[in-house]
Amino acid sequence: MPFYQKLGGIPQKRHTQFRREDGALYSEQVFGTAGFTGVTSILYHYNSPTMVKEILGSVDVRPKIAVECNLKSRKLEGFNVKPGKDYLDSRVPILFNVDLDIELASPPKIEEEVFYKNSDQNETVFVHHGHGVLETTFGNMDFSDGDYLVIPKGIIYRFKFESDENRLLIVSSAEPVFSPKRYRNNFGQLLEHSPFCERDFRTPSKLVVKNDLGDYLVKIRKNGLIHDYVYASHPFDVVGWDGYLFPYAFNIKDFEPITGRIHQPPPVHQTFESACFVICSFVPRLYDYHPKSIPAPYFHSNIDSDELLYYVNGDFMSRVGVQPGQLTLHPAGIPHGPHPGTREASIGEKDSPETAVMVDTFKPLHLTQQALDLEDPDYYKSWIK
């Protein structure tokens, strides 16, 4: 989120002397984007953040195409993804294009000593089930069910899960995500008609400074490969920072739904936007209140975007046989909409208890073999009466 934040100790002026108790200088790091013309933060490390002791091997983690030109509506059983041995191992790529990767993950509850940095992509992690602490170079953030965790590219982090069952939906993209522009004024402040405001966003609240020296393994993703780097100083040795670039959290329960007398189009559910896709939040809300309204959505064709819907909880009134943890994919140009009988059944209903996350991409999504292994093969026939 592009608003100013600071945490910990910083000098009064940028690029000036800032000394430790022993008289040595803290190490100032400018952490910025777009060649120093984009959003930037400045961090102050106890030690130098550049002390590489060893570079080990690399592993190719680029997703592989199983279906390239998809014109089939599909349903995936997301909860059939098996837990991995750790956070990175648990990430299963299911859909991707040149702009983004979409993964599911069921990480275990373990105390990880390995750190991760995605230098390729900004990550938006939706926590379906799980709670714990996200540790980063910018400080710690608590997280729980329903949180979107936005981690800009280049930030070193690790998860500490305190729950036994954890389920994540991860959208990783070269372009960052922002709040929709139509909800912001010329200064970036969220406007009165926005479905959320700055008070709903959480930023790192606690710096736990680790100034130890030793061997610290950081797994760095670059150009689709994960490279193992061993650093001589602990990554979380930051004593203070300020700026506009940092990780943050937003809970889907804090999204205030926009409703009307007749059915509202999907953009009213938009939570994040980027140059290549949007993320929407469907939350419990009042139904349309025109005396002749049909609360179930109309049939529609996404001519310019693929639509992925991830079902979180509640009763999905426009779908039959859809359960939490499942995903539906409706490709661009193929009409889709409510299942037979659901339009008539929705008439007279007053509210919806559903919660879901939608990702609309502006380029077609490719499916991986891991996605096909999760698929209900007959979903595309589910509109036949």
Protein backbone atom coordinates (compact mmCIF):
# COMPACT_ATOMS: atom_id res chain seq x y z
CA MET A 1 0.00 0.00 0.00
CA PRO A 2 1.55 3.35 -1.02
CA PHE A 3 1.30 5.27 2.24
CA TYR A 4 4.15 6.28 4.52
CA GLN A 5 5.15 3.97 7.38
CA LYS A 6 8.07 3.73 9.78
CA LEU A 7 9.15 1.34 12.50
CA GLY A 8 12.11 1.23 14.86
CA GLY A 9 15.00 3.69 15.02
CA ILE A 10 16.06 5.84 12.06
CA PRO A 11 18.25 8.95 11.71
CA GLN A 12 16.70 12.38 11.23
CA LYS A 13 18.00 12.64 7.64
CA ARG A 14 18.44 10.07 4.90
CA HIS A 15 21.97 9.00 3.92
CA THR A 16 23.57 10.45 7.06
CA GLN A 17 25.55 8.88 9.89
CA PHE A 18 23.59 6.50 12.10
CA ARG A 19 25.76 4.68 14.63
CA ARG A 20 25.43 1.62 16.81
CA GLU A 21 26.17 1.70 20.53
CA ASP A 22 29.69 0.42 19.80
CA GLY A 23 30.31 3.37 17.47
CA ALA A 24 30.14 1.44 14.18
CA LEU A 25 27.79 2.65 11.47
CA TYR A 26 24.53 0.89 10.84
CA SER A 27 24.25 -0.29 7.21
CA GLU A 28 21.71 1.77 5.27
CA GLN A 29 19.89 -0.06 2.47
CA VAL A 30 17.65 1.65 -0.08
CA PHE A 31 14.99 -0.91 -1.04
CA GLY A 32 13.21 0.43 -4.12
CA THR A 33 11.46 -0.34 -7.37
CA ALA A 34 11.43 0.92 -10.97
CA GLY A 35 15.04 2.08 -10.93
CA PHE A 36 14.63 4.34 -7.87
CA THR A 37 11.60 6.11 -9.41
CA GLY A 38 8.98 3.81 -7.88
CA VAL A 39 7.95 3.22 -4.28
CA THR A 40 10.91 2.89 -1.90
CA SER A 41 11.80 2.17 1.70
CA ILE A 42 15.09 2.63 3.56
CA LEU A 43 16.24 0.00 6.04
CA TYR A 44 19.01 0.19 8.63
CA HIS A 45 20.80 -3.11 9.27
CA TYR A 46 22.93 -3.90 12.29
CA ASN A 47 25.34 -5.75 9.98
CA SER A 48 26.00 -5.47 6.27
CA PRO A 49 23.24 -7.22 4.26
CA THR A 50 25.76 -8.22 1.56
CA MET A 51 27.93 -10.78 3.37
CA VAL A 52 27.53 -13.89 1.19
CA LYS A 53 29.58 -16.85 2.48
CA GLU A 54 28.62 -19.45 -0.11
CA ILE A 55 26.39 -20.02 -3.14
CA LEU A 56 25.06 -23.55 -3.37
CA GLY A 57 22.89 -25.23 -6.00
CA SER A 58 19.79 -24.08 -7.88
CA VAL A 59 16.43 -25.74 -8.54
CA ASP A 60 14.07 -24.98 -11.45
CA VAL A 61 10.58 -24.22 -10.06
CA ARG A 62 8.96 -22.86 -13.22
CA PRO A 63 5.51 -24.43 -13.75
CA LYS A 64 5.11 -26.77 -16.72
CA ILE A 65 2.26 -26.56 -19.22
CA ALA A 66 -0.14 -29.51 -19.37
CA VAL A 67 -3.02 -27.64 -21.08
CA GLU A 68 -2.05 -24.52 -23.02
CA CYS A 69 -5.24 -23.51 -24.86
CA ASN A 70 -8.05 -24.11 -22.41
CA LEU A 71 -11.69 -23.62 -23.48
CA LYS A 72 -13.18 -25.92 -20.85
CA SER A 73 -14.88 -24.86 -17.63
CA ARG A 74 -13.17 -26.75 -14.83
CA LYS A 75 -13.52 -27.48 -11.13
CA LEU A 76 -10.53 -28.38 -8.96
CA GLU A 77 -10.52 -30.03 -5.52
CA GLY A 78 -8.09 -27.70 -3.78
CA PHE A 79 -8.13 -29.54 -0.46
CA ASN A 80 -6.74 -32.63 -2.23
CA VAL A 81 -3.34 -30.90 -2.30
CA LYS A 82 -1.15 -32.86 0.10
CA PRO A 83 0.94 -31.18 2.82
CA GLY A 84 4.57 -30.57 1.93
CA LYS A 85 7.60 -31.09 4.13
CA ASP A 86 7.99 -27.31 4.54
CA TYR A 87 6.51 -24.06 3.24
CA LEU A 88 8.33 -23.98 -0.10
CA ASP A 89 7.90 -27.69 -0.74
CA SER A 90 4.16 -27.39 -0.10
CA ARG A 91 3.58 -24.82 -2.88
CA VAL A 92 1.82 -26.56 -5.79
CA PRO A 93 1.49 -24.62 -9.08
CA ILE A 94 -1.91 -25.13 -10.70
CA LEU A 95 -2.39 -22.23 -13.16
CA PHE A 96 -0.10 -19.66 -14.76
CA ASN A 97 0.60 -17.35 -17.68
CA VAL A 98 3.39 -14.92 -18.53
CA ASP A 99 2.13 -12.49 -15.87
CA LEU A 100 1.46 -14.62 -12.82
CA ASP A 101 1.57 -18.00 -11.10
CA ILE A 102 -1.31 -19.36 -9.00
CA GLU A 103 -0.45 -21.96 -6.37
CA LEU A 104 -2.12 -23.90 -3.58
CA ALA A 105 -0.25 -24.87 -0.45
CA SER A 106 -0.78 -26.89 2.71
CA PRO A 107 2.36 -26.14 4.75
CA PRO A 108 3.04 -28.02 7.98
CA LYS A 109 3.45 -26.63 11.46
CA ILE A 110 7.23 -26.63 11.86
CA GLU A 111 9.89 -24.22 13.06
CA GLU A 112 11.65 -23.31 9.81
CA GLU A 113 15.18 -21.95 9.90
CA VAL A 114 15.27 -21.34 6.14
CA PHE A 115 14.45 -17.89 4.73
CA TYR A 116 12.87 -17.13 1.35
CA LYS A 117 13.06 -14.20 -1.06
CA ASN A 118 11.11 -14.00 -4.32
CA SER A 119 13.07 -11.62 -6.54
CA ASP A 120 10.86 -12.39 -9.55
CA GLN A 121 7.40 -11.79 -8.21
CA ASN A 122 5.22 -9.93 -5.78
CA GLU A 123 3.21 -12.41 -3.71
CA THR A 124 -0.38 -12.16 -2.49
CA VAL A 125 -1.01 -15.00 -0.06
CA PHE A 126 -4.63 -15.70 0.95
CA VAL A 127 -4.86 -17.63 4.22
CA HIS A 128 -7.90 -19.91 4.01
CA HIS A 129 -6.96 -21.85 7.13
CA GLY A 130 -4.08 -21.14 9.48
CA HIS A 131 -2.64 -18.68 11.94
CA GLY A 132 0.79 -17.68 13.12
CA VAL A 133 3.45 -15.06 12.45
CA LEU A 134 4.88 -13.82 9.16
CA GLU A 135 8.48 -12.83 9.91
CA THR A 136 10.12 -10.38 7.49
CA THR A 137 13.04 -7.97 7.25
CA PHE A 138 10.47 -5.24 7.97
CA GLY A 139 9.25 -6.88 11.16
CA ASN A 140 6.62 -9.36 12.25
CA MET A 141 2.92 -9.54 11.41
CA ASP A 142 0.40 -11.87 13.00
CA PHE A 143 -1.96 -13.58 10.54
CA SER A 144 -5.08 -15.72 10.75
CA ASP A 145 -7.94 -17.13 8.66
CA GLY A 146 -9.11 -14.77 5.93
CA ASP A 147 -5.96 -12.65 5.70
CA TYR A 148 -4.50 -11.46 2.44
CA LEU A 149 -0.73 -11.14 3.02
CA VAL A 150 0.88 -8.90 0.39
CA ILE A 151 4.65 -9.45 0.17
CA PRO A 152 6.45 -7.22 -2.38
CA LYS A 153 9.19 -8.81 -4.43
CA GLY A 154 12.66 -8.84 -2.88
CA ILE A 155 11.54 -9.07 0.77
CA ILE A 156 13.10 -11.87 2.83
CA TYR A 157 10.50 -13.69 4.91
CA ARG A 158 9.48 -16.93 6.56
CA PHE A 159 6.23 -18.26 8.01
CA LYS A 160 5.84 -19.51 11.57
CA PHE A 161 2.58 -21.47 11.57
CA GLU A 162 0.97 -22.07 14.94
CA SER A 163 -1.90 -24.16 13.53
CA ASP A 164 -1.90 -27.83 12.54
CA GLU A 165 -3.96 -27.46 9.34
CA ASN A 166 -2.93 -24.68 6.96
CA ARG A 167 -4.38 -23.90 3.55
CA LEU A 168 -3.09 -21.09 1.32
CA LEU A 169 -3.94 -19.65 -2.10
CA ILE A 170 -0.90 -17.84 -3.53
CA VAL A 171 -0.91 -15.40 -6.45
CA SER A 172 2.62 -14.43 -7.52
CA SER A 173 3.01 -11.73 -10.16
CA ALA A 174 5.71 -9.66 -11.79
CA GLU A 175 3.52 -6.57 -11.38
CA PRO A 176 2.58 -5.39 -7.87
CA VAL A 177 -0.99 -5.17 -6.61
CA PHE A 178 -2.63 -1.95 -5.38
CA SER A 179 -6.02 -0.85 -4.16
CA PRO A 180 -8.26 0.03 -7.14
CA LYS A 181 -7.46 3.49 -8.50
CA ARG A 182 -11.13 4.52 -8.57
CA TYR A 183 -11.16 4.29 -4.76
CA ARG A 184 -8.22 6.70 -4.27
CA ASN A 185 -7.85 10.48 -4.55
CA ASN A 186 -4.89 12.26 -6.19
CA PHE A 187 -2.82 11.80 -3.03
CA GLY A 188 -3.48 8.05 -2.77
CA GLN A 189 -5.91 8.32 0.13
CA LEU A 190 -8.83 5.89 0.05
CA LEU A 191 -12.11 7.69 -0.61
CA GLU A 192 -15.39 7.52 1.27
CA HIS A 193 -17.04 5.15 -1.22
CA SER A 194 -14.19 2.62 -1.01
CA PRO A 195 -15.18 -0.77 0.48
CA PHE A 196 -12.23 -0.48 2.87
CA CYS A 197 -9.96 2.21 4.32
CA GLU A 198 -6.43 2.56 5.66
CA ARG A 199 -7.57 1.48 9.13
CA ASP A 200 -8.27 -2.00 7.75
CA PHE A 201 -4.67 -2.60 6.64
CA ARG A 202 -2.06 -3.99 9.01
CA THR A 203 1.66 -3.45 8.64
CA PRO A 204 4.60 -4.96 10.57
CA SER A 205 4.22 -3.95 14.19
CA LYS A 206 7.25 -5.48 15.88
CA LEU A 207 10.94 -5.57 15.00
CA VAL A 208 12.74 -8.54 16.52
CA VAL A 209 16.36 -7.59 15.86
CA LYS A 210 18.69 -10.54 15.30
CA ASN A 211 22.27 -9.24 15.08
CA ASP A 212 23.85 -12.70 15.16
CA LEU A 213 26.58 -13.87 12.82
CA GLY A 214 26.71 -17.42 11.50
CA ASP A 215 25.41 -19.43 8.54
CA TYR A 216 21.94 -18.40 7.33
CA LEU A 217 20.39 -20.12 4.32
CA VAL A 218 18.27 -17.83 2.14
CA LYS A 219 16.44 -19.41 -0.80
CA ILE A 220 16.21 -16.78 -3.53
CA ARG A 221 13.92 -17.12 -6.53
CA LYS A 222 15.29 -15.46 -9.68
CA ASN A 223 14.39 -16.19 -13.32
CA GLY A 224 12.26 -19.15 -12.25
CA LEU A 225 15.06 -20.83 -10.31
CA ILE A 226 15.53 -21.04 -6.54
CA HIS A 227 19.16 -20.41 -5.61
CA ASP A 228 20.57 -21.33 -2.21
CA TYR A 229 22.65 -18.51 -0.69
CA VAL A 230 24.42 -18.75 2.66
CA TYR A 231 24.78 -15.36 4.39
CA ALA A 232 27.05 -14.52 7.30
CA SER A 233 24.49 -12.31 9.09
CA HIS A 234 20.93 -12.94 10.17
CA PRO A 235 18.44 -11.47 7.63
CA PHE A 236 16.29 -9.96 10.39
CA ASP A 237 18.91 -7.56 11.76
CA VAL A 238 16.99 -4.40 10.78
CA VAL A 239 16.79 -1.88 13.64
CA GLY A 240 14.53 0.59 11.80
CA TRP A 241 13.00 1.51 8.46
CA ASP A 242 10.66 3.98 6.79
CA GLY A 243 9.06 4.46 3.41
CA TYR A 244 6.27 3.34 1.13
CA LEU A 245 7.32 -0.23 0.27
CA PHE A 246 6.61 -2.95 2.86
CA PRO A 247 4.52 -6.09 3.45
CA TYR A 248 0.99 -5.67 4.73
CA ALA A 249 -2.16 -7.62 5.60
CA PHE A 250 -5.85 -7.14 4.89
CA ASN A 251 -8.56 -9.50 6.13
CA ILE A 252 -11.39 -10.43 3.81
CA LYS A 253 -13.84 -9.95 6.71
CA ASP A 254 -13.01 -6.22 6.64
CA PHE A 255 -14.22 -5.84 3.04
CA GLU A 256 -17.49 -3.87 3.13
CA PRO A 257 -19.78 -5.16 0.36
CA ILE A 258 -21.40 -2.75 -2.10
CA THR A 259 -25.02 -3.70 -2.80
CA GLY A 260 -27.92 -2.24 -4.79
CA ARG A 261 -31.54 -2.64 -5.86
CA ILE A 262 -30.48 -4.85 -8.76
CA HIS A 263 -27.53 -7.19 -9.24
CA GLN A 264 -24.18 -5.43 -9.04
CA PRO A 265 -21.36 -6.31 -11.50
CA PRO A 266 -18.20 -8.11 -10.28
CA PRO A 267 -16.03 -4.93 -10.12
CA VAL A 268 -17.86 -3.91 -6.91
CA HIS A 269 -16.09 -6.84 -5.24
CA GLN A 270 -12.63 -5.75 -6.41
CA THR A 271 -10.00 -5.65 -3.68
CA PHE A 272 -6.69 -5.45 -5.58
CA GLU A 273 -5.69 -4.47 -9.09
CA SER A 274 -2.56 -4.81 -11.16
CA ALA A 275 -1.67 -4.23 -14.79
CA CYS A 276 -2.39 -7.89 -15.59
CA PHE A 277 -5.17 -9.14 -13.28
CA VAL A 278 -7.60 -8.23 -10.50
CA ILE A 279 -8.48 -9.92 -7.21
CA CYS A 280 -12.05 -9.69 -5.88
CA SER A 281 -13.55 -10.59 -2.50
CA PHE A 282 -17.08 -12.00 -2.26
CA VAL A 283 -18.27 -11.67 1.33
CA PRO A 284 -21.57 -12.12 3.21
CA ARG A 285 -23.92 -9.38 2.01
CA LEU A 286 -27.53 -8.31 1.54
CA TYR A 287 -29.10 -9.36 -1.73
CA ASP A 288 -30.61 -7.00 -4.29
CA TYR A 289 -33.78 -5.34 -3.03
CA HIS A 290 -35.69 -4.38 -6.18
CA PRO A 291 -39.13 -6.02 -5.86
CA LYS A 292 -38.45 -8.07 -9.00
CA SER A 293 -34.73 -8.64 -8.50
CA ILE A 294 -33.02 -11.93 -9.29
CA PRO A 295 -30.17 -12.20 -6.76
CA ALA A 296 -28.37 -14.97 -8.66
CA PRO A 297 -25.91 -13.54 -11.20
CA TYR A 298 -26.81 -13.33 -14.87
CA PHE A 299 -25.05 -15.50 -17.45
CA HIS A 300 -21.99 -13.72 -18.73
CA SER A 301 -18.95 -14.09 -20.97
CA ASN A 302 -15.56 -12.80 -19.89
CA ILE A 303 -14.39 -11.98 -23.41
CA ASP A 304 -11.05 -10.57 -22.25
CA SER A 305 -10.28 -12.49 -19.08
CA ASP A 306 -10.18 -15.94 -17.51
CA GLU A 307 -12.11 -16.16 -14.23
CA LEU A 308 -10.86 -18.26 -11.32
CA LEU A 309 -13.05 -18.51 -8.23
CA TYR A 310 -11.74 -19.96 -4.97
CA TYR A 311 -14.51 -20.95 -2.54
CA VAL A 312 -13.76 -20.15 1.10
CA ASN A 313 -16.95 -20.90 3.03
CA GLY A 314 -20.72 -20.45 3.10
CA ASP A 315 -23.53 -21.48 0.75
CA PHE A 316 -22.72 -20.62 -2.87
CA MET A 317 -26.20 -19.83 -4.12
CA SER A 318 -25.38 -19.81 -7.86
CA ARG A 319 -23.53 -23.15 -7.84
CA VAL A 320 -24.62 -26.71 -7.14
CA GLY A 321 -22.17 -29.12 -5.54
CA VAL A 322 -19.46 -26.57 -4.78
CA GLN A 323 -17.68 -26.87 -1.43
CA PRO A 324 -15.02 -24.84 0.46
CA GLY A 325 -11.52 -25.34 -0.89
CA GLN A 326 -12.71 -25.98 -4.44
CA LEU A 327 -11.85 -23.76 -7.41
CA THR A 328 -13.74 -23.15 -10.63
CA LEU A 329 -12.09 -21.89 -13.80
CA HIS A 330 -14.20 -20.28 -16.54
CA PRO A 331 -12.12 -19.38 -19.60
CA ALA A 332 -12.42 -16.18 -21.60
CA GLY A 333 -15.17 -16.11 -24.20
CA ILE A 334 -17.14 -19.14 -22.92
CA PRO A 335 -20.48 -18.13 -21.29
CA HIS A 336 -21.04 -19.26 -17.73
CA GLY A 337 -23.35 -18.43 -14.87
CA PRO A 338 -25.74 -19.96 -12.34
CA HIS A 339 -26.49 -23.65 -12.35
CA PRO A 340 -29.97 -24.86 -13.36
CA GLY A 341 -32.61 -24.00 -10.77
CA THR A 342 -30.49 -21.55 -8.80
CA ARG A 343 -31.88 -18.39 -10.44
CA GLU A 344 -35.46 -19.23 -9.51
CA ALA A 345 -34.40 -20.43 -6.06
CA SER A 346 -32.61 -17.14 -5.33
CA ILE A 347 -35.76 -15.01 -5.81
CA GLY A 348 -36.99 -13.74 -2.46
CA GLU A 349 -33.79 -14.53 -0.58
CA LYS A 350 -32.55 -11.67 1.57
CA ASP A 351 -28.83 -12.27 2.00
CA SER A 352 -25.86 -14.42 1.07
CA PRO A 353 -23.45 -16.09 3.54
CA GLU A 354 -20.81 -16.91 0.91
CA THR A 355 -17.13 -16.00 1.03
CA ALA A 356 -14.91 -16.47 -2.01
CA VAL A 357 -11.81 -15.04 -3.70
CA MET A 358 -11.84 -14.37 -7.44
CA VAL A 359 -8.82 -13.85 -9.70
CA ASP A 360 -9.53 -12.48 -13.19
CA THR A 361 -6.54 -12.55 -15.51
CA PHE A 362 -6.19 -10.54 -18.73
CA LYS A 363 -4.29 -13.30 -20.51
CA PRO A 364 -5.33 -16.98 -20.78
CA LEU A 365 -4.28 -19.30 -17.98
CA HIS A 366 -2.37 -22.52 -18.64
CA LEU A 367 -3.04 -25.60 -16.52
CA THR A 368 -0.34 -27.74 -14.94
CA GLN A 369 -0.48 -31.49 -14.49
CA GLN A 370 -0.92 -30.84 -10.77
CA ALA A 371 -4.16 -29.00 -11.62
CA LEU A 372 -5.41 -31.85 -13.80
CA ASP A 373 -4.75 -34.26 -10.93
CA LEU A 374 -7.22 -32.21 -8.83
CA GLU A 375 -9.93 -31.92 -11.48
CA ASP A 376 -13.57 -33.04 -11.43
CA PRO A 377 -13.72 -34.11 -15.12
CA ASP A 378 -17.50 -33.67 -15.50
CA TYR A 379 -17.88 -30.12 -14.18
CA TYR A 380 -18.21 -28.59 -17.65
CA LYS A 381 -21.45 -30.62 -18.13
CA SER A 382 -23.03 -29.30 -14.93
CA TRP A 383 -25.34 -26.81 -16.71
CA ILE A 384 -27.25 -29.58 -18.53
CA LYS A 385 -30.74 -29.94 -16.99
